[in-house]
Amino acid sequence: MGSEAEMTPKTEPSALQERYSRQALFAPIGPEGQKRIRQSKVAVVGCGAIGASACILLTRAGAGSLRIIDRDYVEASNLQRQLLFDEEDARQSLPKAEAAARKIAAINSEVVVEAYVKDLTPQTAHLLEEVNLILDCTDNFETRYLINDFAVKSGIPWIYAAAVGSYAVTMNVLPGETACLACIFPEPPRGTFATCETAGILNGAANLVASLQVTEALKLIVGAHESLRRSLLSFDLWSNERSEISTATPLGNCSVCVERRFDYLEGKSRPQITLCGRNSVQIHERERPVDFSEMSSRLSPHGQVRYNEMVLKFWREAYEMTLFRDGRAIIKGTTDPTVARSLYAKFVGT
């Protein structure tokens, strides 16, 4: 599922020039840099707290095109930190990518937006093609390794960003020049990192790391290569601690950027299906379109059903299922994939 905003300019040239005048006055950007920003095409993977703020900043900076890829929908617990969304989005359970596209159009009608309500997998990694830059705003290392594989193989720069509690971290990956994600984390740091489920999240941490991420993105876009940070930067807003690890050179025996093995992109590593902080499991058992009207009739005898043009919600005992048009589902109320798959098979089918 994808949608694209109209490409016809809606703003008079003089108004457009005035809109970005303060940014263009900043010497490292200047008028020429502003033109490059207007010509840029950026993929934003994940539209949660970091992704929503990154989209706002890029939209207001005048990015030419944003391709937003997100698998999730808006709910009330998002509103504390995800600045693009409001209560009505949560009431309607709108897919985040679609809700973001609507908000971006209202902020800056000149930005071309492509919204994909998709999980980024080896099968959908083609959505990262033909962009200048990829921003990682996801919540799990499996997807980040997939982005890393694709970016290194394709030679596309990408920027890693994450936040949990009051802690945040970010790193630029410049293929062929700096260390990649696998150089720093050769294996997923399972069980060693807090999650938003166990530690919560401070909205300032997510928004600050998004600001750092977008600033590095602007440096890349305008060609300020010498100003790019070549380190893994981490900080804790609550304790005021900060640290950096150099990423200036790749690890000599890195499996990805040196040995050119792309296990995640080739589907050799199983993607994560438990969603951060949600007591939820994502299911991909069915890869064909769902007729919500027919599905609603089938499910109604077994529980409460509500749907709109983009998602169907089904409540059964302690479980809540959100079904997307492509057959993907998020089942809330369990972190056990076996239970989730059983519920999906019973009520949706395979």
C-alpha atoms as a PDB file:
ATOM      1  CA  MET A   1       0.000   0.000   0.000  1.00  0.00           C
ATOM      2  CA  GLY A   2       1.500   3.330  -0.964  1.00  0.00           C
ATOM      3  CA  SER A   3       0.254   6.806  -1.628  1.00  0.00           C
ATOM      4  CA  GLU A   4       1.945   9.832  -3.076  1.00  0.00           C
ATOM      5  CA  ALA A   5       1.049  13.487  -2.691  1.00  0.00           C
ATOM      6  CA  GLU A   6       0.600  15.651  -5.755  1.00  0.00           C
ATOM      7  CA  MET A   7       3.856  16.916  -7.215  1.00  0.00           C
ATOM      8  CA  THR A   8       2.466  20.188  -8.584  1.00  0.00           C
ATOM      9  CA  PRO A   9       3.903  23.164  -6.652  1.00  0.00           C
ATOM     10  CA  LYS A  10       1.296  24.903  -4.528  1.00  0.00           C
ATOM     11  CA  THR A  11       3.359  27.834  -3.291  1.00  0.00           C
ATOM     12  CA  GLU A  12       4.367  30.956  -5.210  1.00  0.00           C
ATOM     13  CA  PRO A  13       8.159  31.189  -5.775  1.00  0.00           C
ATOM     14  CA  SER A  14       8.434  34.391  -3.731  1.00  0.00           C
ATOM     15  CA  ALA A  15       6.611  32.822  -0.798  1.00  0.00           C
ATOM     16  CA  LEU A  16       8.796  29.727  -1.099  1.00  0.00           C
ATOM     17  CA  GLN A  17      11.929  31.863  -0.985  1.00  0.00           C
ATOM     18  CA  GLU A  18      10.656  33.654   2.125  1.00  0.00           C
ATOM     19  CA  ARG A  19       9.669  30.399   3.807  1.00  0.00           C
ATOM     20  CA  TYR A  20      13.251  29.118   3.945  1.00  0.00           C
ATOM     21  CA  SER A  21      14.978  32.491   4.174  1.00  0.00           C
ATOM     22  CA  ARG A  22      16.236  32.056   7.754  1.00  0.00           C
ATOM     23  CA  GLN A  23      17.608  28.606   7.005  1.00  0.00           C
ATOM     24  CA  ALA A  24      19.283  29.797   3.802  1.00  0.00           C
ATOM     25  CA  LEU A  25      20.901  32.638   5.776  1.00  0.00           C
ATOM     26  CA  PHE A  26      22.762  30.008   7.806  1.00  0.00           C
ATOM     27  CA  ALA A  27      26.113  30.116   5.985  1.00  0.00           C
ATOM     28  CA  PRO A  28      26.868  26.353   5.917  1.00  0.00           C
ATOM     29  CA  ILE A  29      23.562  25.838   4.062  1.00  0.00           C
ATOM     30  CA  GLY A  30      23.069  29.004   2.035  1.00  0.00           C
ATOM     31  CA  PRO A  31      20.857  29.315  -1.066  1.00  0.00           C
ATOM     32  CA  GLU A  32      22.685  26.513  -2.892  1.00  0.00           C
ATOM     33  CA  GLY A  33      22.280  24.152   0.057  1.00  0.00           C
ATOM     34  CA  GLN A  34      18.595  25.006   0.236  1.00  0.00           C
ATOM     35  CA  LYS A  35      18.228  23.986  -3.413  1.00  0.00           C
ATOM     36  CA  ARG A  36      19.837  20.648  -2.596  1.00  0.00           C
ATOM     37  CA  ILE A  37      17.440  20.147   0.302  1.00  0.00           C
ATOM     38  CA  ARG A  38      14.512  20.821  -2.049  1.00  0.00           C
ATOM     39  CA  GLN A  39      15.875  18.159  -4.424  1.00  0.00           C
ATOM     40  CA  SER A  40      16.490  15.533  -1.737  1.00  0.00           C
ATOM     41  CA  LYS A  41      14.672  12.231  -1.370  1.00  0.00           C
ATOM     42  CA  VAL A  42      14.804  10.694   2.115  1.00  0.00           C
ATOM     43  CA  ALA A  43      13.448   7.379   3.379  1.00  0.00           C
ATOM     44  CA  VAL A  44      12.243   7.399   6.995  1.00  0.00           C
ATOM     45  CA  VAL A  45      11.885   3.890   8.401  1.00  0.00           C
ATOM     46  CA  GLY A  46       9.639   3.917  11.458  1.00  0.00           C
ATOM     47  CA  CYS A  47       7.296   6.769  12.335  1.00  0.00           C
ATOM     48  CA  GLY A  48       7.195   6.528  16.114  1.00  0.00           C
ATOM     49  CA  ALA A  49       8.671   9.105  18.476  1.00  0.00           C
ATOM     50  CA  ILE A  50      11.939   9.636  16.592  1.00  0.00           C
ATOM     51  CA  GLY A  51      10.479   9.189  13.120  1.00  0.00           C
ATOM     52  CA  ALA A  52       7.585  11.575  13.702  1.00  0.00           C
ATOM     53  CA  SER A  53       9.933  14.317  14.897  1.00  0.00           C
ATOM     54  CA  ALA A  54      12.371  13.649  12.059  1.00  0.00           C
ATOM     55  CA  CYS A  55       9.519  13.992   9.551  1.00  0.00           C
ATOM     56  CA  ILE A  56       8.436  17.292  11.081  1.00  0.00           C
ATOM     57  CA  LEU A  57      11.960  18.727  10.941  1.00  0.00           C
ATOM     58  CA  LEU A  58      12.646  17.549   7.391  1.00  0.00           C
ATOM     59  CA  THR A  59       9.256  18.818   6.229  1.00  0.00           C
ATOM     60  CA  ARG A  60       9.818  22.256   7.709  1.00  0.00           C
ATOM     61  CA  ALA A  61      13.379  22.324   6.343  1.00  0.00           C
ATOM     62  CA  GLY A  62      11.936  21.862   2.844  1.00  0.00           C
ATOM     63  CA  ALA A  63      12.917  18.305   1.933  1.00  0.00           C
ATOM     64  CA  GLY A  64      11.807  17.501  -1.591  1.00  0.00           C
ATOM     65  CA  SER A  65      10.455  14.020  -0.965  1.00  0.00           C
ATOM     66  CA  LEU A  66       9.851  11.790   2.057  1.00  0.00           C
ATOM     67  CA  ARG A  67       9.208   8.070   1.813  1.00  0.00           C
ATOM     68  CA  ILE A  68       7.712   6.917   5.119  1.00  0.00           C
ATOM     69  CA  ILE A  69       7.671   3.200   5.926  1.00  0.00           C
ATOM     70  CA  ASP A  70       5.901   2.078   9.097  1.00  0.00           C
ATOM     71  CA  ARG A  71       4.067  -1.100  10.112  1.00  0.00           C
ATOM     72  CA  ASP A  72       2.091   0.267  13.056  1.00  0.00           C
ATOM     73  CA  TYR A  73      -1.022   2.284  13.896  1.00  0.00           C
ATOM     74  CA  VAL A  74      -1.609   5.233  16.231  1.00  0.00           C
ATOM     75  CA  GLU A  75      -2.846   4.556  19.760  1.00  0.00           C
ATOM     76  CA  ALA A  76      -3.283   6.725  22.845  1.00  0.00           C
ATOM     77  CA  SER A  77       0.016   5.737  24.477  1.00  0.00           C
ATOM     78  CA  ASN A  78       1.870   7.240  21.488  1.00  0.00           C
ATOM     79  CA  LEU A  79       0.621  10.770  22.061  1.00  0.00           C
ATOM     80  CA  GLN A  80       3.020  11.520  24.929  1.00  0.00           C
ATOM     81  CA  ARG A  81       5.995  11.622  22.548  1.00  0.00           C
ATOM     82  CA  GLN A  82       4.963  11.191  18.885  1.00  0.00           C
ATOM     83  CA  LEU A  83       4.468  14.791  17.854  1.00  0.00           C
ATOM     84  CA  LEU A  84       2.808  14.294  14.465  1.00  0.00           C
ATOM     85  CA  PHE A  85      -0.259  12.553  15.872  1.00  0.00           C
ATOM     86  CA  ASP A  86      -3.351  13.635  17.796  1.00  0.00           C
ATOM     87  CA  GLU A  87      -6.298  12.116  19.668  1.00  0.00           C
ATOM     88  CA  GLU A  88      -8.399  11.700  16.539  1.00  0.00           C
ATOM     89  CA  ASP A  89      -5.648   9.658  14.880  1.00  0.00           C
ATOM     90  CA  ALA A  90      -5.620   7.388  17.934  1.00  0.00           C
ATOM     91  CA  ARG A  91      -9.429   7.098  18.024  1.00  0.00           C
ATOM     92  CA  GLN A  92      -9.412   5.966  14.398  1.00  0.00           C
ATOM     93  CA  SER A  93      -6.360   3.704  14.858  1.00  0.00           C
ATOM     94  CA  LEU A  94      -4.897   5.252  11.714  1.00  0.00           C
ATOM     95  CA  PRO A  95      -1.744   3.671  10.296  1.00  0.00           C
ATOM     96  CA  LYS A  96       1.129   5.923  11.312  1.00  0.00           C
ATOM     97  CA  ALA A  97       2.500   6.281   7.793  1.00  0.00           C
ATOM     98  CA  GLU A  98      -0.857   7.481   6.452  1.00  0.00           C
ATOM     99  CA  ALA A  99      -1.520   9.785   9.407  1.00  0.00           C
ATOM    100  CA  ALA A 100       1.960  11.257   9.015  1.00  0.00           C
ATOM    101  CA  ALA A 101       1.406  11.886   5.298  1.00  0.00           C
ATOM    102  CA  ARG A 102      -1.776  13.838   6.048  1.00  0.00           C
ATOM    103  CA  LYS A 103      -0.060  15.976   8.680  1.00  0.00           C
ATOM    104  CA  ILE A 104       2.957  16.651   6.488  1.00  0.00           C
ATOM    105  CA  ALA A 105       0.695  17.840   3.660  1.00  0.00           C
ATOM    106  CA  ALA A 106      -0.841  20.373   6.053  1.00  0.00           C
ATOM    107  CA  ILE A 107       2.579  21.573   7.254  1.00  0.00           C
ATOM    108  CA  ASN A 108       4.238  21.868   3.843  1.00  0.00           C
ATOM    109  CA  SER A 109       2.268  21.094   0.698  1.00  0.00           C
ATOM    110  CA  GLU A 110       5.449  21.270  -1.399  1.00  0.00           C
ATOM    111  CA  VAL A 111       6.845  18.046   0.072  1.00  0.00           C
ATOM    112  CA  VAL A 112       6.125  14.901  -1.953  1.00  0.00           C
ATOM    113  CA  VAL A 113       5.154  12.131   0.469  1.00  0.00           C
ATOM    114  CA  GLU A 114       5.051   8.401  -0.177  1.00  0.00           C
ATOM    115  CA  ALA A 115       3.413   6.495   2.695  1.00  0.00           C
ATOM    116  CA  TYR A 116       3.822   2.737   3.001  1.00  0.00           C
ATOM    117  CA  VAL A 117       1.958   0.813   5.687  1.00  0.00           C
ATOM    118  CA  LYS A 118       4.498  -1.980   5.554  1.00  0.00           C
ATOM    119  CA  ASP A 119       6.933  -3.871   7.712  1.00  0.00           C
ATOM    120  CA  LEU A 120      10.471  -3.530   6.353  1.00  0.00           C
ATOM    121  CA  THR A 121      11.553  -7.070   5.461  1.00  0.00           C
ATOM    122  CA  PRO A 122      13.828  -8.580   2.800  1.00  0.00           C
ATOM    123  CA  GLN A 123      10.725  -8.712   0.579  1.00  0.00           C
ATOM    124  CA  THR A 124       9.964  -4.992   1.017  1.00  0.00           C
ATOM    125  CA  ALA A 125      13.544  -3.670   1.181  1.00  0.00           C
ATOM    126  CA  HIS A 126      13.123  -2.426  -2.408  1.00  0.00           C
ATOM    127  CA  LEU A 127      11.219   0.498  -0.852  1.00  0.00           C
ATOM    128  CA  LEU A 128      14.638   1.878   0.114  1.00  0.00           C
ATOM    129  CA  GLU A 129      15.760   2.148  -3.498  1.00  0.00           C
ATOM    130  CA  GLU A 130      16.329   5.472  -5.282  1.00  0.00           C
ATOM    131  CA  VAL A 131      16.712   7.651  -2.187  1.00  0.00           C
ATOM    132  CA  ASN A 132      19.632   9.872  -1.194  1.00  0.00           C
ATOM    133  CA  LEU A 133      19.550   8.925   2.459  1.00  0.00           C
ATOM    134  CA  ILE A 134      17.889   6.516   4.902  1.00  0.00           C
ATOM    135  CA  LEU A 135      16.909   7.491   8.447  1.00  0.00           C
ATOM    136  CA  ASP A 136      16.533   4.613  10.892  1.00  0.00           C
ATOM    137  CA  CYS A 137      13.796   5.496  13.368  1.00  0.00           C
ATOM    138  CA  THR A 138      12.864   1.908  14.215  1.00  0.00           C
ATOM    139  CA  ASP A 139      12.616   0.150  17.578  1.00  0.00           C
ATOM    140  CA  ASN A 140      14.525  -3.093  16.965  1.00  0.00           C
ATOM    141  CA  PHE A 141      17.965  -4.248  15.884  1.00  0.00           C
ATOM    142  CA  GLU A 142      16.717  -6.802  13.367  1.00  0.00           C
ATOM    143  CA  THR A 143      15.295  -4.065  11.151  1.00  0.00           C
ATOM    144  CA  ARG A 144      18.411  -1.953  11.667  1.00  0.00           C
ATOM    145  CA  TYR A 145      20.622  -4.810  10.488  1.00  0.00           C
ATOM    146  CA  LEU A 146      18.412  -5.118   7.415  1.00  0.00           C
ATOM    147  CA  ILE A 147      18.789  -1.384   6.728  1.00  0.00           C
ATOM    148  CA  ASN A 148      22.536  -1.709   7.281  1.00  0.00           C
ATOM    149  CA  ASP A 149      22.782  -4.601   4.801  1.00  0.00           C
ATOM    150  CA  PHE A 150      20.780  -2.757   2.161  1.00  0.00           C
ATOM    151  CA  ALA A 151      22.609   0.553   2.630  1.00  0.00           C
ATOM    152  CA  VAL A 152      26.103  -0.958   2.595  1.00  0.00           C
ATOM    153  CA  LYS A 153      25.308  -3.088  -0.461  1.00  0.00           C
ATOM    154  CA  SER A 154      23.723  -0.124  -2.284  1.00  0.00           C
ATOM    155  CA  GLY A 155      26.179   2.543  -1.130  1.00  0.00           C
ATOM    156  CA  ILE A 156      23.436   4.701   0.402  1.00  0.00           C
ATOM    157  CA  PRO A 157      24.277   6.598   3.618  1.00  0.00           C
ATOM    158  CA  TRP A 158      22.023   6.004   6.611  1.00  0.00           C
ATOM    159  CA  ILE A 159      21.696   7.359  10.140  1.00  0.00           C
ATOM    160  CA  TYR A 160      20.944   5.158  13.143  1.00  0.00           C
ATOM    161  CA  ALA A 161      18.966   6.668  16.029  1.00  0.00           C
ATOM    162  CA  ALA A 162      17.341   5.136  19.104  1.00  0.00           C
ATOM    163  CA  ALA A 163      15.945   6.236  22.458  1.00  0.00           C
ATOM    164  CA  VAL A 164      14.712   4.528  25.625  1.00  0.00           C
ATOM    165  CA  GLY A 165      14.148   6.017  29.061  1.00  0.00           C
ATOM    166  CA  SER A 166      16.228   9.203  29.093  1.00  0.00           C
ATOM    167  CA  TYR A 167      18.997   7.591  27.026  1.00  0.00           C
ATOM    168  CA  ALA A 168      19.516   8.071  23.294  1.00  0.00           C
ATOM    169  CA  VAL A 169      22.126   7.116  20.727  1.00  0.00           C
ATOM    170  CA  THR A 170      22.870   7.980  17.107  1.00  0.00           C
ATOM    171  CA  MET A 171      25.478   7.181  14.467  1.00  0.00           C
ATOM    172  CA  ASN A 172      26.127   8.035  10.823  1.00  0.00           C
ATOM    173  CA  VAL A 173      26.951   5.151   8.492  1.00  0.00           C
ATOM    174  CA  LEU A 174      28.784   6.207   5.330  1.00  0.00           C
ATOM    175  CA  PRO A 175      29.317   3.047   3.250  1.00  0.00           C
ATOM    176  CA  GLY A 176      32.908   2.601   2.127  1.00  0.00           C
ATOM    177  CA  GLU A 177      34.142   5.205   4.583  1.00  0.00           C
ATOM    178  CA  THR A 178      32.996   4.749   8.192  1.00  0.00           C
ATOM    179  CA  ALA A 179      32.178   1.770  10.373  1.00  0.00           C
ATOM    180  CA  CYS A 180      28.786   0.207   9.755  1.00  0.00           C
ATOM    181  CA  LEU A 181      26.312  -1.010  12.378  1.00  0.00           C
ATOM    182  CA  ALA A 182      27.738  -4.544  12.282  1.00  0.00           C
ATOM    183  CA  CYS A 183      31.220  -3.162  13.023  1.00  0.00           C
ATOM    184  CA  ILE A 184      29.928  -1.731  16.310  1.00  0.00           C
ATOM    185  CA  PHE A 185      27.382  -4.457  17.122  1.00  0.00           C
ATOM    186  CA  PRO A 186      28.505  -7.695  15.383  1.00  0.00           C
ATOM    187  CA  GLU A 187      25.590  -9.498  17.039  1.00  0.00           C
ATOM    188  CA  PRO A 188      22.197  -8.182  18.213  1.00  0.00           C
ATOM    189  CA  PRO A 189      22.601  -7.024  21.840  1.00  0.00           C
ATOM    190  CA  ARG A 190      19.838  -9.313  23.071  1.00  0.00           C
ATOM    191  CA  GLY A 191      18.893  -8.933  26.723  1.00  0.00           C
ATOM    192  CA  THR A 192      21.525  -6.280  27.419  1.00  0.00           C
ATOM    193  CA  PHE A 193      19.557  -3.174  26.428  1.00  0.00           C
ATOM    194  CA  ALA A 194      16.529  -1.774  28.227  1.00  0.00           C
ATOM    195  CA  THR A 195      13.361  -1.433  26.160  1.00  0.00           C
ATOM    196  CA  CYS A 196      10.533   1.082  26.211  1.00  0.00           C
ATOM    197  CA  GLU A 197       8.469  -1.666  27.838  1.00  0.00           C
ATOM    198  CA  THR A 198      10.830  -1.990  30.819  1.00  0.00           C
ATOM    199  CA  ALA A 199      12.212   1.545  31.086  1.00  0.00           C
ATOM    200  CA  GLY A 200       9.581   3.789  29.484  1.00  0.00           C
ATOM    201  CA  ILE A 201      10.694   6.759  27.435  1.00  0.00           C
ATOM    202  CA  LEU A 202      11.198  10.480  28.037  1.00  0.00           C
ATOM    203  CA  ASN A 203       9.820  12.484  25.132  1.00  0.00           C
ATOM    204  CA  GLY A 204      12.765  14.888  25.252  1.00  0.00           C
ATOM    205  CA  ALA A 205      15.238  12.068  24.612  1.00  0.00           C
ATOM    206  CA  ALA A 206      13.427  10.972  21.461  1.00  0.00           C
ATOM    207  CA  ASN A 207      13.060  14.501  20.165  1.00  0.00           C
ATOM    208  CA  LEU A 208      16.655  15.485  20.884  1.00  0.00           C
ATOM    209  CA  VAL A 209      18.076  12.472  19.075  1.00  0.00           C
ATOM    210  CA  ALA A 210      15.741  13.194  16.142  1.00  0.00           C
ATOM    211  CA  SER A 211      17.147  16.743  16.014  1.00  0.00           C
ATOM    212  CA  LEU A 212      20.699  15.397  15.971  1.00  0.00           C
ATOM    213  CA  GLN A 213      19.770  12.859  13.302  1.00  0.00           C
ATOM    214  CA  VAL A 214      18.143  15.437  11.024  1.00  0.00           C
ATOM    215  CA  THR A 215      21.025  17.884  11.456  1.00  0.00           C
ATOM    216  CA  GLU A 216      23.433  15.187  10.259  1.00  0.00           C
ATOM    217  CA  ALA A 217      21.018  14.463   7.415  1.00  0.00           C
ATOM    218  CA  LEU A 218      21.102  18.108   6.338  1.00  0.00           C
ATOM    219  CA  LYS A 219      24.917  18.047   6.395  1.00  0.00           C
ATOM    220  CA  LEU A 220      24.860  15.053   4.068  1.00  0.00           C
ATOM    221  CA  ILE A 221      22.274  16.585   1.760  1.00  0.00           C
ATOM    222  CA  VAL A 222      24.034  19.945   1.354  1.00  0.00           C
ATOM    223  CA  GLY A 223      27.439  18.301   0.915  1.00  0.00           C
ATOM    224  CA  ALA A 224      29.043  19.426   4.195  1.00  0.00           C
ATOM    225  CA  HIS A 225      30.974  16.167   4.356  1.00  0.00           C
ATOM    226  CA  GLU A 226      33.764  17.524   6.534  1.00  0.00           C
ATOM    227  CA  SER A 227      31.262  18.476   9.262  1.00  0.00           C
ATOM    228  CA  LEU A 228      29.718  15.005   9.595  1.00  0.00           C
ATOM    229  CA  ARG A 229      30.131  13.292  12.947  1.00  0.00           C
ATOM    230  CA  ARG A 230      32.173  10.105  12.760  1.00  0.00           C
ATOM    231  CA  SER A 231      31.274   8.576  16.092  1.00  0.00           C
ATOM    232  CA  LEU A 232      28.581   6.672  17.941  1.00  0.00           C
ATOM    233  CA  LEU A 233      27.164   9.398  20.180  1.00  0.00           C
ATOM    234  CA  SER A 234      25.146   8.482  23.265  1.00  0.00           C
ATOM    235  CA  PHE A 235      23.704  10.677  25.976  1.00  0.00           C
ATOM    236  CA  ASP A 236      21.452  10.533  29.013  1.00  0.00           C
ATOM    237  CA  LEU A 237      19.299  13.624  29.442  1.00  0.00           C
ATOM    238  CA  TRP A 238      18.455  12.798  33.058  1.00  0.00           C
ATOM    239  CA  SER A 239      21.968  12.177  34.375  1.00  0.00           C
ATOM    240  CA  ASN A 240      23.633  14.599  31.933  1.00  0.00           C
ATOM    241  CA  GLU A 241      26.112  11.922  30.856  1.00  0.00           C
ATOM    242  CA  ARG A 242      27.541  11.805  27.339  1.00  0.00           C
ATOM    243  CA  SER A 243      29.969   9.528  25.519  1.00  0.00           C
ATOM    244  CA  GLU A 244      31.367   8.928  22.030  1.00  0.00           C
ATOM    245  CA  ILE A 245      32.981   5.954  20.304  1.00  0.00           C
ATOM    246  CA  SER A 246      34.898   6.581  17.085  1.00  0.00           C
ATOM    247  CA  THR A 247      33.406   5.096  13.916  1.00  0.00           C
ATOM    248  CA  ALA A 248      35.948   6.675  11.572  1.00  0.00           C
ATOM    249  CA  THR A 249      37.135   3.367  10.104  1.00  0.00           C
ATOM    250  CA  PRO A 250      35.416   0.016   9.477  1.00  0.00           C
ATOM    251  CA  LEU A 251      36.214  -3.050  11.568  1.00  0.00           C
ATOM    252  CA  GLY A 252      38.830  -5.076   9.695  1.00  0.00           C
ATOM    253  CA  ASN A 253      36.868  -8.326   9.771  1.00  0.00           C
ATOM    254  CA  CYS A 254      33.315  -6.938   9.622  1.00  0.00           C
ATOM    255  CA  SER A 255      30.999  -9.520   8.098  1.00  0.00           C
ATOM    256  CA  VAL A 256      28.970  -6.851   6.284  1.00  0.00           C
ATOM    257  CA  CYS A 257      31.070  -3.947   5.061  1.00  0.00           C
ATOM    258  CA  VAL A 258      34.339  -5.910   4.655  1.00  0.00           C
ATOM    259  CA  GLU A 259      33.284  -9.501   3.889  1.00  0.00           C
ATOM    260  CA  ARG A 260      30.102  -8.344   2.079  1.00  0.00           C
ATOM    261  CA  ARG A 261      27.781 -10.896   3.689  1.00  0.00           C
ATOM    262  CA  PHE A 262      24.194  -9.637   3.814  1.00  0.00           C
ATOM    263  CA  ASP A 263      22.416 -12.248   5.929  1.00  0.00           C
ATOM    264  CA  TYR A 264      19.496 -10.031   6.960  1.00  0.00           C
ATOM    265  CA  LEU A 265      18.867  -8.771   3.436  1.00  0.00           C
ATOM    266  CA  GLU A 266      18.998 -12.326   2.098  1.00  0.00           C
ATOM    267  CA  GLY A 267      16.506 -13.510   4.716  1.00  0.00           C
ATOM    268  CA  LYS A 268      18.941 -15.781   6.573  1.00  0.00           C
ATOM    269  CA  SER A 269      18.135 -14.152   9.929  1.00  0.00           C
ATOM    270  CA  ARG A 270      14.602 -14.347  11.324  1.00  0.00           C
ATOM    271  CA  PRO A 271      13.008 -10.901  11.877  1.00  0.00           C
ATOM    272  CA  GLN A 272      11.739  -9.866  15.282  1.00  0.00           C
ATOM    273  CA  ILE A 273       7.965 -10.179  15.669  1.00  0.00           C
ATOM    274  CA  THR A 274       7.480  -9.034  19.283  1.00  0.00           C
ATOM    275  CA  LEU A 275       6.795  -5.297  19.323  1.00  0.00           C
ATOM    276  CA  CYS A 276       8.647  -3.034  21.734  1.00  0.00           C
ATOM    277  CA  GLY A 277       6.630  -1.919  24.734  1.00  0.00           C
ATOM    278  CA  ARG A 278       3.354  -3.238  23.382  1.00  0.00           C
ATOM    279  CA  ASN A 279       2.772  -6.746  24.828  1.00  0.00           C
ATOM    280  CA  SER A 280       2.113  -7.530  21.173  1.00  0.00           C
ATOM    281  CA  VAL A 281       3.190  -9.860  18.388  1.00  0.00           C
ATOM    282  CA  GLN A 282       3.220  -9.126  14.659  1.00  0.00           C
ATOM    283  CA  ILE A 283       2.071 -11.878  12.297  1.00  0.00           C
ATOM    284  CA  HIS A 284       2.877 -12.240   8.569  1.00  0.00           C
ATOM    285  CA  GLU A 285       1.117 -15.532   7.891  1.00  0.00           C
ATOM    286  CA  ARG A 286      -1.014 -14.343   4.969  1.00  0.00           C
ATOM    287  CA  GLU A 287       0.242 -12.377   1.966  1.00  0.00           C
ATOM    288  CA  ARG A 288      -2.966 -11.486   0.145  1.00  0.00           C
ATOM    289  CA  PRO A 289      -5.478  -8.637   0.421  1.00  0.00           C
ATOM    290  CA  VAL A 290      -8.217  -8.811   3.046  1.00  0.00           C
ATOM    291  CA  ASP A 291     -11.839  -7.867   2.379  1.00  0.00           C
ATOM    292  CA  PHE A 292     -12.720  -6.064   5.610  1.00  0.00           C
ATOM    293  CA  SER A 293     -16.469  -6.274   5.029  1.00  0.00           C
ATOM    294  CA  GLU A 294     -16.350 -10.046   4.576  1.00  0.00           C
ATOM    295  CA  MET A 295     -13.895 -10.458   7.462  1.00  0.00           C
ATOM    296  CA  SER A 296     -16.104  -8.349   9.743  1.00  0.00           C
ATOM    297  CA  SER A 297     -19.091 -10.586   9.022  1.00  0.00           C
ATOM    298  CA  ARG A 298     -17.017 -13.649   9.780  1.00  0.00           C
ATOM    299  CA  LEU A 299     -15.572 -12.296  13.048  1.00  0.00           C
ATOM    300  CA  SER A 300     -18.664 -10.564  14.481  1.00  0.00           C
ATOM    301  CA  PRO A 301     -20.122 -13.728  16.101  1.00  0.00           C
ATOM    302  CA  HIS A 302     -16.861 -14.199  18.016  1.00  0.00           C
ATOM    303  CA  GLY A 303     -16.216 -10.726  19.416  1.00  0.00           C
ATOM    304  CA  GLN A 304     -16.379  -6.976  18.849  1.00  0.00           C
ATOM    305  CA  VAL A 305     -15.302  -5.727  15.413  1.00  0.00           C
ATOM    306  CA  ARG A 306     -14.625  -2.236  14.088  1.00  0.00           C
ATOM    307  CA  TYR A 307     -12.969  -1.227  10.822  1.00  0.00           C
ATOM    308  CA  ASN A 308     -12.236   1.681   8.517  1.00  0.00           C
ATOM    309  CA  GLU A 309     -10.667   1.782   5.056  1.00  0.00           C
ATOM    310  CA  MET A 310      -7.182   1.020   6.398  1.00  0.00           C
ATOM    311  CA  VAL A 311      -7.418  -1.285   9.454  1.00  0.00           C
ATOM    312  CA  LEU A 312      -9.808  -3.747  11.085  1.00  0.00           C
ATOM    313  CA  LYS A 313      -9.827  -4.219  14.875  1.00  0.00           C
ATOM    314  CA  PHE A 314     -11.159  -7.347  16.559  1.00  0.00           C
ATOM    315  CA  TRP A 315     -11.507  -7.859  20.319  1.00  0.00           C
ATOM    316  CA  ARG A 316     -11.769 -11.377  21.747  1.00  0.00           C
ATOM    317  CA  GLU A 317     -11.445 -11.995  25.506  1.00  0.00           C
ATOM    318  CA  ALA A 318      -8.024 -10.634  26.592  1.00  0.00           C
ATOM    319  CA  TYR A 319      -6.764 -10.146  23.028  1.00  0.00           C
ATOM    320  CA  GLU A 320      -6.978  -7.333  20.509  1.00  0.00           C
ATOM    321  CA  MET A 321      -6.154  -7.964  16.858  1.00  0.00           C
ATOM    322  CA  THR A 322      -5.387  -5.184  14.394  1.00  0.00           C
ATOM    323  CA  LEU A 323      -5.573  -6.464  10.821  1.00  0.00           C
ATOM    324  CA  PHE A 324      -4.123  -4.541   7.878  1.00  0.00           C
ATOM    325  CA  ARG A 325      -5.243  -4.691   4.248  1.00  0.00           C
ATOM    326  CA  ASP A 326      -2.245  -6.792   3.200  1.00  0.00           C
ATOM    327  CA  GLY A 327      -3.092  -9.528   5.727  1.00  0.00           C
ATOM    328  CA  ARG A 328      -0.510  -8.523   8.301  1.00  0.00           C
ATOM    329  CA  ALA A 329      -1.767  -8.404  11.892  1.00  0.00           C
ATOM    330  CA  ILE A 330      -0.678  -7.092  15.276  1.00  0.00           C
ATOM    331  CA  ILE A 331      -2.061  -9.166  18.137  1.00  0.00           C
ATOM    332  CA  LYS A 332      -2.074  -7.417  21.489  1.00  0.00           C
ATOM    333  CA  GLY A 333      -2.294  -9.225  24.811  1.00  0.00           C
ATOM    334  CA  THR A 334       0.576 -11.678  24.392  1.00  0.00           C
ATOM    335  CA  THR A 335       4.295 -11.814  23.649  1.00  0.00           C
ATOM    336  CA  ASP A 336       4.132 -15.514  22.766  1.00  0.00           C
ATOM    337  CA  PRO A 337       4.350 -16.020  18.970  1.00  0.00           C
ATOM    338  CA  THR A 338       2.732 -19.454  19.283  1.00  0.00           C
ATOM    339  CA  VAL A 339      -0.371 -17.981  20.936  1.00  0.00           C
ATOM    340  CA  ALA A 340      -0.513 -15.151  18.394  1.00  0.00           C
ATOM    341  CA  ARG A 341      -0.202 -17.483  15.407  1.00  0.00           C
ATOM    342  CA  SER A 342      -2.886 -19.747  16.853  1.00  0.00           C
ATOM    343  CA  LEU A 343      -5.316 -16.831  17.202  1.00  0.00           C
ATOM    344  CA  TYR A 344      -4.535 -15.642  13.689  1.00  0.00           C
ATOM    345  CA  ALA A 345      -5.045 -19.085  12.181  1.00  0.00           C
ATOM    346  CA  LYS A 346      -8.299 -19.584  14.085  1.00  0.00           C
ATOM    347  CA  PHE A 347      -9.959 -16.291  13.192  1.00  0.00           C
ATOM    348  CA  VAL A 348      -8.251 -15.048  10.008  1.00  0.00           C
ATOM    349  CA  GLY A 349      -6.922 -18.198   8.389  1.00  0.00           C
ATOM    350  CA  THR A 350      -3.718 -18.810   6.480  1.00  0.00           C
END
